Amino acid sequence: MSFPLAGNERIKAAVLAAVAEDRIPHAILIEGDKGTGRHTLARFLSEAAVCGGENPPCGVCRGCHLAQTGAHPDISVTAPEDGKKSITVAQIRALRNEAYIKPHMARRRVFVIDKADSMNEQAQNALLKVLEEPPGDIIFILTAESAAALLDTIISRCTVLSLVPPEMPEAEKYLKNSSDYTDGQIKSALESTGGNIGAALEILGGGGTAAQTAAKRFAELLISGDEAQMLKITAQFEKSRVLADEFFKELKLATAAVIKKRLHSASSAKALARFYDRLSEYENALQTNANLSLLFCALVCSAAEISHN
């Protein structure tokens, strides 16, 4: 049984001990930035929960094979439906009803709630009802970029696992052992993503540069106005005007794409257009001695205004 993530030693020790002693908590909240391994850890815990062999997850029993292919009848995943940004209260109510049905094959059932931080207050309160008095053969695994978006009452009933990127040497070792990329490619990708393995793999796999990946993610947050996440994204570009300039150029393209999607909403489209116009001002500021940290703070403040329209 091997832990699937690099770094996060305290979480590794806690998770492996819980699995080995068959005392996986009934509700787990895995939080962390995109690329830090939230889904990888959720899959590991789900597989361990339904494993029928020794030293779970054994990887060879029928339960593990079904879990690996996404076909295990006792593992259910709830996420925003296609075309929607949030998990609805109707989805949570359906999950709650399903939770009281006995396991089909394994000793217990696993309910994964992906992007749990997309639930509104009504959906979270619906989930709270089953978290307060859960059936004994149920495990809930919630994944979120930030636990701050969840109600305190939800968080208090979960074991929270906060993932962070590993130290650079450990991240390099992990990618060297799990991929065929050269040392130079790995080092360059990790340096441009601040050690975020998932984001580095996107770059190595042709998923775009760090600036492209970051700009796309920033643009996705424009409507929600999540300032904390925006600041995390821009932090990696505060030490280089060259990288900052690349980020702003990519952000203009990503913002334009968001505007096209929001044309049906006049108010948000106008707010996005104003933000787009300001991006040129920020690009021009890069040519001066403007402090990059303050410049990105101003960018995030401008972005946050969109969600108030």
Foldseek 3Di string as FASTA:
>chain_A
DDDDAFDLVVVRVVVLVCLQVVNDAQEAEEAAAPLLQLVVNVLQVQCSLQPPDHSPPPCPDPSNVCSVVVNQPQEEEFEDDPPDDAGELVNLLVVLVVQPDAHDHGQAHEYEYEQNLRYDPNSLVSNLVCLVPPDPRHHYYYYHNDCVSHDPSSVVSHHYRYTDAHPQVRLLVSCVVVHDDDSVLQSVLCLLQVRRNRSSVCVVVVVDHLLLVLLLVLLVCLQVLPLVVLLVSCVSVQPDLVSVLSNLVNNLVNLVVVLVVCVVPVLLNVLSVVLSVCSVVLNVCSVDPDRSSVSSVVNSVSSSVSNVD
